[in-house]
C-alpha atoms as a PDB file:
ATOM      1  CA  MET A   1       0.000   0.000   0.000  1.00  0.00           C
ATOM      2  CA  ASN A   2       1.535   3.324  -1.086  1.00  0.00           C
ATOM      3  CA  ALA A   3      -0.118   5.553   1.522  1.00  0.00           C
ATOM      4  CA  ALA A   4       2.141   8.576   0.923  1.00  0.00           C
ATOM      5  CA  ILE A   5       1.767   8.799  -2.834  1.00  0.00           C
ATOM      6  CA  ASP A   6      -1.934   7.904  -2.651  1.00  0.00           C
ATOM      7  CA  GLU A   7      -2.556  10.870  -0.369  1.00  0.00           C
ATOM      8  CA  GLN A   8      -0.411  13.153  -2.554  1.00  0.00           C
ATOM      9  CA  VAL A   9      -2.341  12.175  -5.692  1.00  0.00           C
ATOM     10  CA  ASP A  10      -5.676  12.680  -3.913  1.00  0.00           C
ATOM     11  CA  LEU A  11      -4.611  16.187  -2.861  1.00  0.00           C
ATOM     12  CA  PHE A  12      -3.481  16.951  -6.408  1.00  0.00           C
ATOM     13  CA  LEU A  13      -6.765  15.758  -7.940  1.00  0.00           C
ATOM     14  CA  GLY A  14      -8.674  17.848  -5.413  1.00  0.00           C
ATOM     15  CA  HIS A  15      -6.556  20.847  -6.423  1.00  0.00           C
ATOM     16  CA  LEU A  16      -7.413  20.282 -10.094  1.00  0.00           C
ATOM     17  CA  SER A  17     -11.107  20.014  -9.432  1.00  0.00           C
ATOM     18  CA  VAL A  18     -11.637  22.661  -6.738  1.00  0.00           C
ATOM     19  CA  GLU A  19      -8.925  25.283  -7.201  1.00  0.00           C
ATOM     20  CA  ARG A  20      -8.329  25.061 -10.941  1.00  0.00           C
ATOM     21  CA  GLY A  21     -11.933  24.200 -11.766  1.00  0.00           C
ATOM     22  CA  LEU A  22     -11.097  21.520 -14.323  1.00  0.00           C
ATOM     23  CA  SER A  23     -13.950  19.395 -15.618  1.00  0.00           C
ATOM     24  CA  GLN A  24     -14.683  15.927 -14.300  1.00  0.00           C
ATOM     25  CA  ASN A  25     -13.568  14.385 -17.603  1.00  0.00           C
ATOM     26  CA  THR A  26     -10.180  16.143 -17.463  1.00  0.00           C
ATOM     27  CA  THR A  27      -9.660  15.283 -13.793  1.00  0.00           C
ATOM     28  CA  GLU A  28     -10.487  11.630 -14.500  1.00  0.00           C
ATOM     29  CA  ALA A  29      -7.895  11.581 -17.312  1.00  0.00           C
ATOM     30  CA  TYR A  30      -5.222  12.802 -14.846  1.00  0.00           C
ATOM     31  CA  GLU A  31      -6.410  10.172 -12.364  1.00  0.00           C
ATOM     32  CA  ARG A  32      -6.008   7.344 -14.903  1.00  0.00           C
ATOM     33  CA  ASP A  33      -2.492   8.457 -15.851  1.00  0.00           C
ATOM     34  CA  LEU A  34      -1.404   8.816 -12.226  1.00  0.00           C
ATOM     35  CA  LYS A  35      -2.850   5.434 -11.237  1.00  0.00           C
ATOM     36  CA  ARG A  36      -0.579   3.874 -13.861  1.00  0.00           C
ATOM     37  CA  TYR A  37       2.321   5.997 -12.570  1.00  0.00           C
ATOM     38  CA  ARG A  38       1.748   4.908  -8.955  1.00  0.00           C
ATOM     39  CA  GLU A  39       1.646   1.251  -9.988  1.00  0.00           C
ATOM     40  CA  PHE A  40       4.897   1.661 -11.918  1.00  0.00           C
ATOM     41  CA  LEU A  41       6.651   3.396  -9.005  1.00  0.00           C
ATOM     42  CA  ALA A  42       5.469   0.659  -6.643  1.00  0.00           C
ATOM     43  CA  GLY A  43       7.236  -1.839  -8.877  1.00  0.00           C
ATOM     44  CA  GLN A  44      10.376   0.275  -8.529  1.00  0.00           C
ATOM     45  CA  GLY A  45      10.064   0.279  -4.738  1.00  0.00           C
ATOM     46  CA  VAL A  46       9.070   3.973  -4.608  1.00  0.00           C
ATOM     47  CA  SER A  47       6.130   4.697  -2.287  1.00  0.00           C
ATOM     48  CA  ASP A  48       6.391   8.478  -2.018  1.00  0.00           C
ATOM     49  CA  GLY A  49       6.153  10.986  -4.884  1.00  0.00           C
ATOM     50  CA  THR A  50       9.070  12.929  -3.441  1.00  0.00           C
ATOM     51  CA  GLY A  51      11.265   9.843  -3.817  1.00  0.00           C
ATOM     52  CA  ALA A  52      10.861   9.575  -7.605  1.00  0.00           C
ATOM     53  CA  SER A  53      13.902  10.464  -9.726  1.00  0.00           C
ATOM     54  CA  ASP A  54      14.203  11.713 -13.282  1.00  0.00           C
ATOM     55  CA  SER A  55      15.350   8.232 -14.321  1.00  0.00           C
ATOM     56  CA  ASP A  56      12.206   6.721 -12.739  1.00  0.00           C
ATOM     57  CA  ILE A  57      10.033   9.096 -14.739  1.00  0.00           C
ATOM     58  CA  ALA A  58      11.932   8.479 -17.987  1.00  0.00           C
ATOM     59  CA  ALA A  59      11.555   4.739 -17.393  1.00  0.00           C
ATOM     60  CA  PHE A  60       7.831   5.230 -16.808  1.00  0.00           C
ATOM     61  CA  VAL A  61       7.439   7.042 -20.143  1.00  0.00           C
ATOM     62  CA  SER A  62       9.251   4.148 -21.879  1.00  0.00           C
ATOM     63  CA  HIS A  63       7.011   1.719 -20.005  1.00  0.00           C
ATOM     64  CA  VAL A  64       3.843   3.435 -21.295  1.00  0.00           C
ATOM     65  CA  SER A  65       5.258   3.403 -24.829  1.00  0.00           C
ATOM     66  CA  ASP A  66       5.803  -0.371 -24.555  1.00  0.00           C
ATOM     67  CA  LEU A  67       2.316  -1.139 -23.245  1.00  0.00           C
ATOM     68  CA  ARG A  68      -0.169  -2.733 -25.599  1.00  0.00           C
ATOM     69  CA  ARG A  69      -3.813  -1.914 -26.056  1.00  0.00           C
ATOM     70  CA  PRO A  70      -6.476  -4.666 -26.029  1.00  0.00           C
ATOM     71  CA  ASP A  71      -6.149  -4.889 -29.845  1.00  0.00           C
ATOM     72  CA  GLY A  72      -2.449  -5.757 -29.470  1.00  0.00           C
ATOM     73  CA  LYS A  73      -1.099  -2.467 -30.819  1.00  0.00           C
ATOM     74  CA  HIS A  74       1.301  -0.316 -28.817  1.00  0.00           C
ATOM     75  CA  TYR A  75      -0.039   2.829 -27.216  1.00  0.00           C
ATOM     76  CA  SER A  76       0.699   5.898 -29.322  1.00  0.00           C
ATOM     77  CA  ALA A  77       3.424   8.459 -28.656  1.00  0.00           C
ATOM     78  CA  ALA A  78       0.598  10.879 -27.860  1.00  0.00           C
ATOM     79  CA  THR A  79      -0.514   8.636 -24.972  1.00  0.00           C
ATOM     80  CA  ALA A  80       3.023   8.521 -23.577  1.00  0.00           C
ATOM     81  CA  ALA A  81       3.335  12.315 -23.964  1.00  0.00           C
ATOM     82  CA  ARG A  82       0.022  12.876 -22.194  1.00  0.00           C
ATOM     83  CA  SER A  83       1.102  10.545 -19.368  1.00  0.00           C
ATOM     84  CA  LEU A  84       4.299  12.563 -18.942  1.00  0.00           C
ATOM     85  CA  ALA A  85       2.282  15.792 -18.896  1.00  0.00           C
ATOM     86  CA  SER A  86       0.145  14.405 -16.053  1.00  0.00           C
ATOM     87  CA  VAL A  87       3.232  13.335 -14.105  1.00  0.00           C
ATOM     88  CA  ARG A  88       4.839  16.761 -14.626  1.00  0.00           C
ATOM     89  CA  ALA A  89       1.725  18.527 -13.362  1.00  0.00           C
ATOM     90  CA  PHE A  90       1.737  16.268 -10.285  1.00  0.00           C
ATOM     91  CA  HIS A  91       5.395  16.946  -9.465  1.00  0.00           C
ATOM     92  CA  ARG A  92       5.003  20.697 -10.032  1.00  0.00           C
ATOM     93  CA  PHE A  93       2.136  20.587  -7.546  1.00  0.00           C
ATOM     94  CA  LEU A  94       4.333  18.834  -4.949  1.00  0.00           C
ATOM     95  CA  LEU A  95       7.012  21.495  -5.479  1.00  0.00           C
ATOM     96  CA  GLN A  96       4.548  24.392  -5.198  1.00  0.00           C
ATOM     97  CA  GLU A  97       3.031  22.927  -2.048  1.00  0.00           C
ATOM     98  CA  GLY A  98       6.462  22.641  -0.429  1.00  0.00           C
ATOM     99  CA  THR A  99       6.142  18.846  -0.206  1.00  0.00           C
ATOM    100  CA  SER A 100       9.103  18.365  -2.535  1.00  0.00           C
ATOM    101  CA  GLU A 101      12.310  20.361  -2.898  1.00  0.00           C
ATOM    102  CA  SER A 102      12.690  19.789  -6.648  1.00  0.00           C
ATOM    103  CA  ASP A 103      10.817  18.694  -9.751  1.00  0.00           C
ATOM    104  CA  PRO A 104      12.380  15.480 -11.100  1.00  0.00           C
ATOM    105  CA  SER A 105      10.219  15.594 -14.225  1.00  0.00           C
ATOM    106  CA  ALA A 106      11.488  18.958 -15.490  1.00  0.00           C
ATOM    107  CA  ASP A 107      14.292  17.608 -17.688  1.00  0.00           C
ATOM    108  CA  VAL A 108      12.644  14.380 -18.871  1.00  0.00           C
ATOM    109  CA  SER A 109      12.340  14.437 -22.661  1.00  0.00           C
ATOM    110  CA  ARG A 110       8.853  14.456 -24.100  1.00  0.00           C
ATOM    111  CA  PRO A 111       8.209  11.722 -26.690  1.00  0.00           C
ATOM    112  CA  LYS A 112       8.047  13.064 -30.233  1.00  0.00           C
ATOM    113  CA  VAL A 113       4.436  13.043 -31.346  1.00  0.00           C
ATOM    114  CA  PRO A 114       3.921  12.973 -35.115  1.00  0.00           C
ATOM    115  CA  ARG A 115       1.539  15.706 -36.196  1.00  0.00           C
ATOM    116  CA  SER A 116      -1.666  14.189 -37.498  1.00  0.00           C
ATOM    117  CA  LEU A 117      -4.060  16.548 -39.186  1.00  0.00           C
ATOM    118  CA  PRO A 118      -7.775  16.243 -38.453  1.00  0.00           C
ATOM    119  CA  ARG A 119      -9.747  14.455 -41.160  1.00  0.00           C
ATOM    120  CA  PRO A 120     -12.957  16.417 -41.638  1.00  0.00           C
ATOM    121  CA  LEU A 121     -15.941  15.154 -43.564  1.00  0.00           C
ATOM    122  CA  THR A 122     -16.819  16.803 -46.849  1.00  0.00           C
ATOM    123  CA  VAL A 123     -19.825  19.120 -46.912  1.00  0.00           C
ATOM    124  CA  GLU A 124     -21.692  16.480 -48.940  1.00  0.00           C
ATOM    125  CA  GLU A 125     -20.881  13.762 -46.378  1.00  0.00           C
ATOM    126  CA  VAL A 126     -22.093  16.004 -43.546  1.00  0.00           C
ATOM    127  CA  GLN A 127     -25.341  16.597 -45.402  1.00  0.00           C
ATOM    128  CA  ARG A 128     -25.922  12.858 -45.882  1.00  0.00           C
ATOM    129  CA  LEU A 129     -25.143  12.215 -42.229  1.00  0.00           C
ATOM    130  CA  VAL A 130     -27.339  14.881 -40.630  1.00  0.00           C
ATOM    131  CA  GLU A 131     -30.223  13.999 -42.970  1.00  0.00           C
ATOM    132  CA  SER A 132     -29.992  10.290 -42.142  1.00  0.00           C
ATOM    133  CA  PRO A 133     -32.618  10.483 -39.348  1.00  0.00           C
ATOM    134  CA  SER A 134     -35.382  11.302 -41.799  1.00  0.00           C
ATOM    135  CA  ASP A 135     -38.628  10.131 -40.213  1.00  0.00           C
ATOM    136  CA  GLN A 136     -40.669  11.918 -37.568  1.00  0.00           C
ATOM    137  CA  THR A 137     -40.365   9.494 -34.644  1.00  0.00           C
ATOM    138  CA  PRO A 138     -39.241  11.030 -31.320  1.00  0.00           C
ATOM    139  CA  ALA A 139     -35.897   9.199 -31.521  1.00  0.00           C
ATOM    140  CA  SER A 140     -35.237  10.386 -35.078  1.00  0.00           C
ATOM    141  CA  LEU A 141     -36.123  13.968 -34.201  1.00  0.00           C
ATOM    142  CA  ARG A 142     -33.696  13.769 -31.270  1.00  0.00           C
ATOM    143  CA  ASP A 143     -30.965  12.230 -33.434  1.00  0.00           C
ATOM    144  CA  ARG A 144     -31.356  14.953 -36.060  1.00  0.00           C
ATOM    145  CA  ALA A 145     -31.170  17.670 -33.403  1.00  0.00           C
ATOM    146  CA  ALA A 146     -28.040  16.093 -31.874  1.00  0.00           C
ATOM    147  CA  LEU A 147     -26.233  15.755 -35.217  1.00  0.00           C
ATOM    148  CA  GLU A 148     -27.184  19.272 -36.336  1.00  0.00           C
ATOM    149  CA  LEU A 149     -25.879  20.720 -33.047  1.00  0.00           C
ATOM    150  CA  LEU A 150     -22.616  18.754 -33.159  1.00  0.00           C
ATOM    151  CA  TYR A 151     -21.870  20.104 -36.620  1.00  0.00           C
ATOM    152  CA  GLY A 152     -23.797  23.384 -36.570  1.00  0.00           C
ATOM    153  CA  ALA A 153     -22.210  24.621 -33.334  1.00  0.00           C
ATOM    154  CA  GLY A 154     -18.973  22.581 -33.291  1.00  0.00           C
ATOM    155  CA  LEU A 155     -19.761  21.179 -29.855  1.00  0.00           C
ATOM    156  CA  ARG A 156     -17.733  18.654 -27.913  1.00  0.00           C
ATOM    157  CA  ILE A 157     -19.806  15.572 -27.103  1.00  0.00           C
ATOM    158  CA  SER A 158     -19.662  16.375 -23.367  1.00  0.00           C
ATOM    159  CA  GLU A 159     -20.984  19.868 -24.129  1.00  0.00           C
ATOM    160  CA  LEU A 160     -23.797  18.471 -26.241  1.00  0.00           C
ATOM    161  CA  VAL A 161     -25.120  15.958 -23.707  1.00  0.00           C
ATOM    162  CA  GLY A 162     -24.738  18.539 -20.929  1.00  0.00           C
ATOM    163  CA  LEU A 163     -27.174  20.959 -22.582  1.00  0.00           C
ATOM    164  CA  ASP A 164     -30.413  21.850 -20.805  1.00  0.00           C
ATOM    165  CA  VAL A 165     -33.543  23.065 -22.571  1.00  0.00           C
ATOM    166  CA  ASP A 166     -32.969  26.619 -21.336  1.00  0.00           C
ATOM    167  CA  ASP A 167     -29.479  26.663 -22.891  1.00  0.00           C
ATOM    168  CA  VAL A 168     -31.014  26.876 -26.368  1.00  0.00           C
ATOM    169  CA  ASP A 169     -32.362  30.184 -27.658  1.00  0.00           C
ATOM    170  CA  LEU A 170     -34.439  29.720 -30.828  1.00  0.00           C
ATOM    171  CA  ASP A 171     -35.352  33.374 -31.411  1.00  0.00           C
ATOM    172  CA  ASP A 172     -34.317  35.177 -34.620  1.00  0.00           C
ATOM    173  CA  ASP A 173     -30.607  35.034 -33.761  1.00  0.00           C
ATOM    174  CA  ALA A 174     -30.648  31.411 -32.609  1.00  0.00           C
ATOM    175  CA  SER A 175     -27.802  30.340 -30.326  1.00  0.00           C
ATOM    176  CA  VAL A 176     -26.773  27.793 -27.743  1.00  0.00           C
ATOM    177  CA  ARG A 177     -25.159  28.482 -24.370  1.00  0.00           C
ATOM    178  CA  VAL A 178     -22.321  26.045 -23.732  1.00  0.00           C
ATOM    179  CA  ILE A 179     -20.292  25.230 -20.635  1.00  0.00           C
ATOM    180  CA  GLY A 180     -16.919  24.126 -22.004  1.00  0.00           C
ATOM    181  CA  LYS A 181     -13.586  23.021 -20.565  1.00  0.00           C
ATOM    182  CA  GLY A 182     -12.728  24.595 -17.238  1.00  0.00           C
ATOM    183  CA  ASP A 183     -16.412  25.518 -16.808  1.00  0.00           C
ATOM    184  CA  LYS A 184     -15.932  28.382 -19.260  1.00  0.00           C
ATOM    185  CA  GLU A 185     -19.175  29.615 -20.770  1.00  0.00           C
ATOM    186  CA  ARG A 186     -19.607  30.634 -24.389  1.00  0.00           C
ATOM    187  CA  VAL A 187     -22.578  31.406 -26.617  1.00  0.00           C
ATOM    188  CA  VAL A 188     -22.436  29.902 -30.109  1.00  0.00           C
ATOM    189  CA  PRO A 189     -24.778  30.891 -32.950  1.00  0.00           C
ATOM    190  CA  ILE A 190     -26.635  28.043 -34.642  1.00  0.00           C
ATOM    191  CA  GLY A 191     -27.861  28.146 -38.217  1.00  0.00           C
ATOM    192  CA  ARG A 192     -31.373  27.636 -39.503  1.00  0.00           C
ATOM    193  CA  TYR A 193     -30.987  23.882 -40.018  1.00  0.00           C
ATOM    194  CA  ALA A 194     -29.902  23.259 -36.424  1.00  0.00           C
ATOM    195  CA  SER A 195     -32.491  25.718 -35.126  1.00  0.00           C
ATOM    196  CA  HIS A 196     -35.284  23.999 -37.056  1.00  0.00           C
ATOM    197  CA  ALA A 197     -34.124  20.530 -35.960  1.00  0.00           C
ATOM    198  CA  VAL A 198     -34.039  21.505 -32.279  1.00  0.00           C
ATOM    199  CA  SER A 199     -37.408  23.236 -32.541  1.00  0.00           C
ATOM    200  CA  SER A 200     -39.010  20.165 -34.158  1.00  0.00           C
ATOM    201  CA  TYR A 201     -37.531  17.917 -31.480  1.00  0.00           C
ATOM    202  CA  LEU A 202     -38.775  20.142 -28.637  1.00  0.00           C
ATOM    203  CA  VAL A 203     -42.293  20.246 -30.085  1.00  0.00           C
ATOM    204  CA  ALA A 204     -42.781  16.689 -31.337  1.00  0.00           C
ATOM    205  CA  GLY A 205     -39.951  14.578 -29.922  1.00  0.00           C
ATOM    206  CA  ARG A 206     -38.911  15.456 -26.400  1.00  0.00           C
ATOM    207  CA  PRO A 207     -42.434  15.400 -24.878  1.00  0.00           C
ATOM    208  CA  SER A 208     -42.796  11.741 -25.911  1.00  0.00           C
ATOM    209  CA  LEU A 209     -39.421  10.787 -24.422  1.00  0.00           C
ATOM    210  CA  ALA A 210     -39.728  12.838 -21.227  1.00  0.00           C
ATOM    211  CA  GLY A 211     -40.366  11.251 -17.841  1.00  0.00           C
ATOM    212  CA  PRO A 212     -39.713  11.807 -14.132  1.00  0.00           C
ATOM    213  CA  ARG A 213     -35.933  11.522 -14.663  1.00  0.00           C
ATOM    214  CA  SER A 214     -35.750  14.087 -17.469  1.00  0.00           C
ATOM    215  CA  ARG A 215     -35.532  17.269 -15.410  1.00  0.00           C
ATOM    216  CA  ALA A 216     -34.096  20.059 -17.589  1.00  0.00           C
ATOM    217  CA  ALA A 217     -31.986  17.875 -19.923  1.00  0.00           C
ATOM    218  CA  LEU A 218     -32.331  18.754 -23.604  1.00  0.00           C
ATOM    219  CA  LEU A 219     -31.428  15.416 -25.196  1.00  0.00           C
ATOM    220  CA  LEU A 220     -33.153  12.378 -23.671  1.00  0.00           C
ATOM    221  CA  ASN A 221     -32.678   8.638 -24.056  1.00  0.00           C
ATOM    222  CA  GLN A 222     -35.488   6.139 -24.497  1.00  0.00           C
ATOM    223  CA  ARG A 223     -35.904   5.826 -20.703  1.00  0.00           C
ATOM    224  CA  GLY A 224     -36.366   9.563 -20.284  1.00  0.00           C
ATOM    225  CA  GLY A 225     -32.957  10.220 -18.721  1.00  0.00           C
ATOM    226  CA  ARG A 226     -30.233  12.527 -20.030  1.00  0.00           C
ATOM    227  CA  LEU A 227     -28.531  11.126 -23.113  1.00  0.00           C
ATOM    228  CA  THR A 228     -24.998   9.962 -22.255  1.00  0.00           C
ATOM    229  CA  ARG A 229     -21.813  10.346 -24.255  1.00  0.00           C
ATOM    230  CA  GLN A 230     -21.833   6.606 -24.959  1.00  0.00           C
ATOM    231  CA  GLY A 231     -25.442   6.770 -26.119  1.00  0.00           C
ATOM    232  CA  CYS A 232     -24.685   9.704 -28.390  1.00  0.00           C
ATOM    233  CA  ALA A 233     -21.665   7.904 -29.884  1.00  0.00           C
ATOM    234  CA  LYS A 234     -23.868   4.873 -30.685  1.00  0.00           C
ATOM    235  CA  ILE A 235     -26.460   7.109 -32.334  1.00  0.00           C
ATOM    236  CA  LEU A 236     -23.751   8.712 -34.468  1.00  0.00           C
ATOM    237  CA  ALA A 237     -22.284   5.332 -35.467  1.00  0.00           C
ATOM    238  CA  SER A 238     -25.682   4.054 -36.620  1.00  0.00           C
ATOM    239  CA  HIS A 239     -26.287   7.101 -38.798  1.00  0.00           C
ATOM    240  CA  VAL A 240     -22.754   7.053 -40.222  1.00  0.00           C
ATOM    241  CA  LYS A 241     -23.513   3.518 -41.425  1.00  0.00           C
ATOM    242  CA  ARG A 242     -26.929   4.525 -42.807  1.00  0.00           C
ATOM    243  CA  ALA A 243     -25.341   7.479 -44.631  1.00  0.00           C
ATOM    244  CA  GLY A 244     -22.910   5.138 -46.391  1.00  0.00           C
ATOM    245  CA  ILE A 245     -19.784   6.767 -44.972  1.00  0.00           C
ATOM    246  CA  ALA A 246     -17.133   4.066 -44.970  1.00  0.00           C
ATOM    247  CA  ARG A 247     -14.552   5.570 -42.630  1.00  0.00           C
ATOM    248  CA  ARG A 248     -14.571   6.000 -38.854  1.00  0.00           C
ATOM    249  CA  VAL A 249     -16.458   9.084 -37.719  1.00  0.00           C
ATOM    250  CA  THR A 250     -16.526  10.259 -34.097  1.00  0.00           C
ATOM    251  CA  PRO A 251     -18.424  13.176 -32.526  1.00  0.00           C
ATOM    252  CA  HIS A 252     -15.134  15.091 -32.661  1.00  0.00           C
ATOM    253  CA  THR A 253     -15.005  14.540 -36.442  1.00  0.00           C
ATOM    254  CA  LEU A 254     -18.064  16.793 -36.728  1.00  0.00           C
ATOM    255  CA  ARG A 255     -16.297  19.408 -34.595  1.00  0.00           C
ATOM    256  CA  HIS A 256     -13.271  19.156 -36.910  1.00  0.00           C
ATOM    257  CA  SER A 257     -15.580  19.528 -39.903  1.00  0.00           C
ATOM    258  CA  PHE A 258     -17.282  22.583 -38.368  1.00  0.00           C
ATOM    259  CA  ALA A 259     -13.935  24.363 -37.909  1.00  0.00           C
ATOM    260  CA  THR A 260     -12.484  23.361 -41.278  1.00  0.00           C
ATOM    261  CA  HIS A 261     -15.574  24.357 -43.260  1.00  0.00           C
ATOM    262  CA  LEU A 262     -15.719  27.742 -41.494  1.00  0.00           C
ATOM    263  CA  LEU A 263     -12.083  28.480 -42.369  1.00  0.00           C
ATOM    264  CA  GLU A 264     -12.556  27.300 -45.953  1.00  0.00           C
ATOM    265  CA  GLY A 265     -15.513  29.674 -46.134  1.00  0.00           C
ATOM    266  CA  GLY A 266     -13.309  32.617 -45.145  1.00  0.00           C
ATOM    267  CA  ALA A 267     -13.841  32.844 -41.373  1.00  0.00           C
ATOM    268  CA  ASP A 268     -11.055  34.451 -39.318  1.00  0.00           C
ATOM    269  CA  VAL A 269      -9.110  31.945 -37.224  1.00  0.00           C
ATOM    270  CA  ARG A 270      -9.708  33.961 -34.027  1.00  0.00           C
ATOM    271  CA  VAL A 271     -13.461  33.867 -34.589  1.00  0.00           C
ATOM    272  CA  VAL A 272     -13.252  30.094 -34.999  1.00  0.00           C
ATOM    273  CA  GLN A 273     -11.171  29.948 -31.804  1.00  0.00           C
ATOM    274  CA  GLU A 274     -13.952  31.699 -29.892  1.00  0.00           C
ATOM    275  CA  LEU A 275     -16.646  29.498 -31.397  1.00  0.00           C
ATOM    276  CA  LEU A 276     -14.733  26.323 -30.475  1.00  0.00           C
ATOM    277  CA  GLY A 277     -13.912  27.580 -26.986  1.00  0.00           C
ATOM    278  CA  HIS A 278     -10.162  27.073 -27.423  1.00  0.00           C
ATOM    279  CA  ALA A 279      -8.059  28.797 -24.762  1.00  0.00           C
ATOM    280  CA  SER A 280      -5.245  29.427 -27.258  1.00  0.00           C
ATOM    281  CA  VAL A 281      -5.370  30.268 -30.954  1.00  0.00           C
ATOM    282  CA  SER A 282      -2.464  27.849 -31.509  1.00  0.00           C
ATOM    283  CA  THR A 283      -4.889  24.968 -30.875  1.00  0.00           C
ATOM    284  CA  THR A 284      -7.195  26.299 -33.588  1.00  0.00           C
ATOM    285  CA  GLN A 285      -4.401  26.888 -36.100  1.00  0.00           C
ATOM    286  CA  ILE A 286      -4.095  23.172 -36.878  1.00  0.00           C
ATOM    287  CA  TYR A 287      -7.280  23.598 -38.901  1.00  0.00           C
ATOM    288  CA  THR A 288      -5.592  26.216 -41.070  1.00  0.00           C
ATOM    289  CA  LEU A 289      -3.092  23.512 -42.053  1.00  0.00           C
ATOM    290  CA  VAL A 290      -5.992  21.297 -43.120  1.00  0.00           C
ATOM    291  CA  THR A 291      -7.421  24.000 -45.350  1.00  0.00           C
ATOM    292  CA  GLN A 292      -3.988  24.789 -46.825  1.00  0.00           C
ATOM    293  CA  GLU A 293      -3.592  21.113 -47.694  1.00  0.00           C
ATOM    294  CA  HIS A 294      -7.014  21.170 -49.335  1.00  0.00           C
ATOM    295  CA  LEU A 295      -6.017  24.270 -51.317  1.00  0.00           C
ATOM    296  CA  ARG A 296      -2.866  22.517 -52.544  1.00  0.00           C
ATOM    297  CA  GLU A 297      -4.874  19.474 -53.621  1.00  0.00           C
ATOM    298  CA  VAL A 298      -7.320  21.635 -55.543  1.00  0.00           C
ATOM    299  CA  TYR A 299      -4.479  23.633 -57.101  1.00  0.00           C
ATOM    300  CA  TYR A 300      -2.531  20.600 -58.317  1.00  0.00           C
ATOM    301  CA  SER A 301      -5.622  18.864 -59.614  1.00  0.00           C
ATOM    302  CA  SER A 302      -7.125  21.934 -61.316  1.00  0.00           C
ATOM    303  CA  HIS A 303      -4.438  24.322 -62.604  1.00  0.00           C
ATOM    304  CA  PRO A 304      -3.288  23.393 -66.148  1.00  0.00           C
ATOM    305  CA  ARG A 305       0.358  24.247 -65.451  1.00  0.00           C
ATOM    306  CA  ALA A 306       0.503  22.712 -61.999  1.00  0.00           C
ATOM    307  CA  ARG A 307      -0.525  19.160 -62.739  1.00  0.00           C
ATOM    308  CA  LYS A 308       2.238  16.689 -62.069  1.00  0.00           C
ATOM    309  CA  GLN A 309       3.392  14.599 -64.995  1.00  0.00           C
ATOM    310  CA  ARG A 310       2.450  10.950 -64.809  1.00  0.00           C
END
């Protein structure tokens, strides 16, 4: 039993949640990484966070890189990098609290993470997807509203399922009030398609699904409770299949598509940053690389003196 490090991790997680106001999802991600870290240190005979060395932490990063997922593949460099980021945050906390005299993680090299560009859907694929729930059953009306909001407002899945009825304003300038990462609030405009889909669901869909457990939740499951992230992901997967889209599509793919299509349409990157709720514009700028790549593809395939010789 590693009483010392267990208590230190508990204090750190409390700090993340209470003092820094991080979301439950983010705090749980830190908790998963640090559980793995504690188990690794225990195997090294280290039972106190202050007793970890830089070589212990470097060995832990290598250990994560060597782990295999249930499908037999190694965890990605991004997973190892994220694990190191969690460990660094933990050791910085110990230093700031005066529990430790130094930060052994400071000089540990971060694994190189290959840059992978988001793969947005085409506008035509988005149209097929959001129009897949085409009948007027309560479930289909809900599915259409969920898909239109994911794409029309660029929401994270946690933001979508966290919406209450009062968070949606369907007046002339329709918008949705979102509580994003770090409990930061933003108001995102929604277009006429999303507005119409939500309105139809509220009038003819939600009343049929609602029950004692519904409370203020906007999107409801078949039992009348708030739709979960897992439930929303299953709904998306079923409509991706119905729309004939062969590749993997996640809720975040629709967020990627929202950002990419805005930039391709001429939106300023800082406006897109605000709409997505990104703390830093550098996070948003990856989408500009996607649009530049698209421009190059169009250029080389369309310009008569740019086409590569076969």
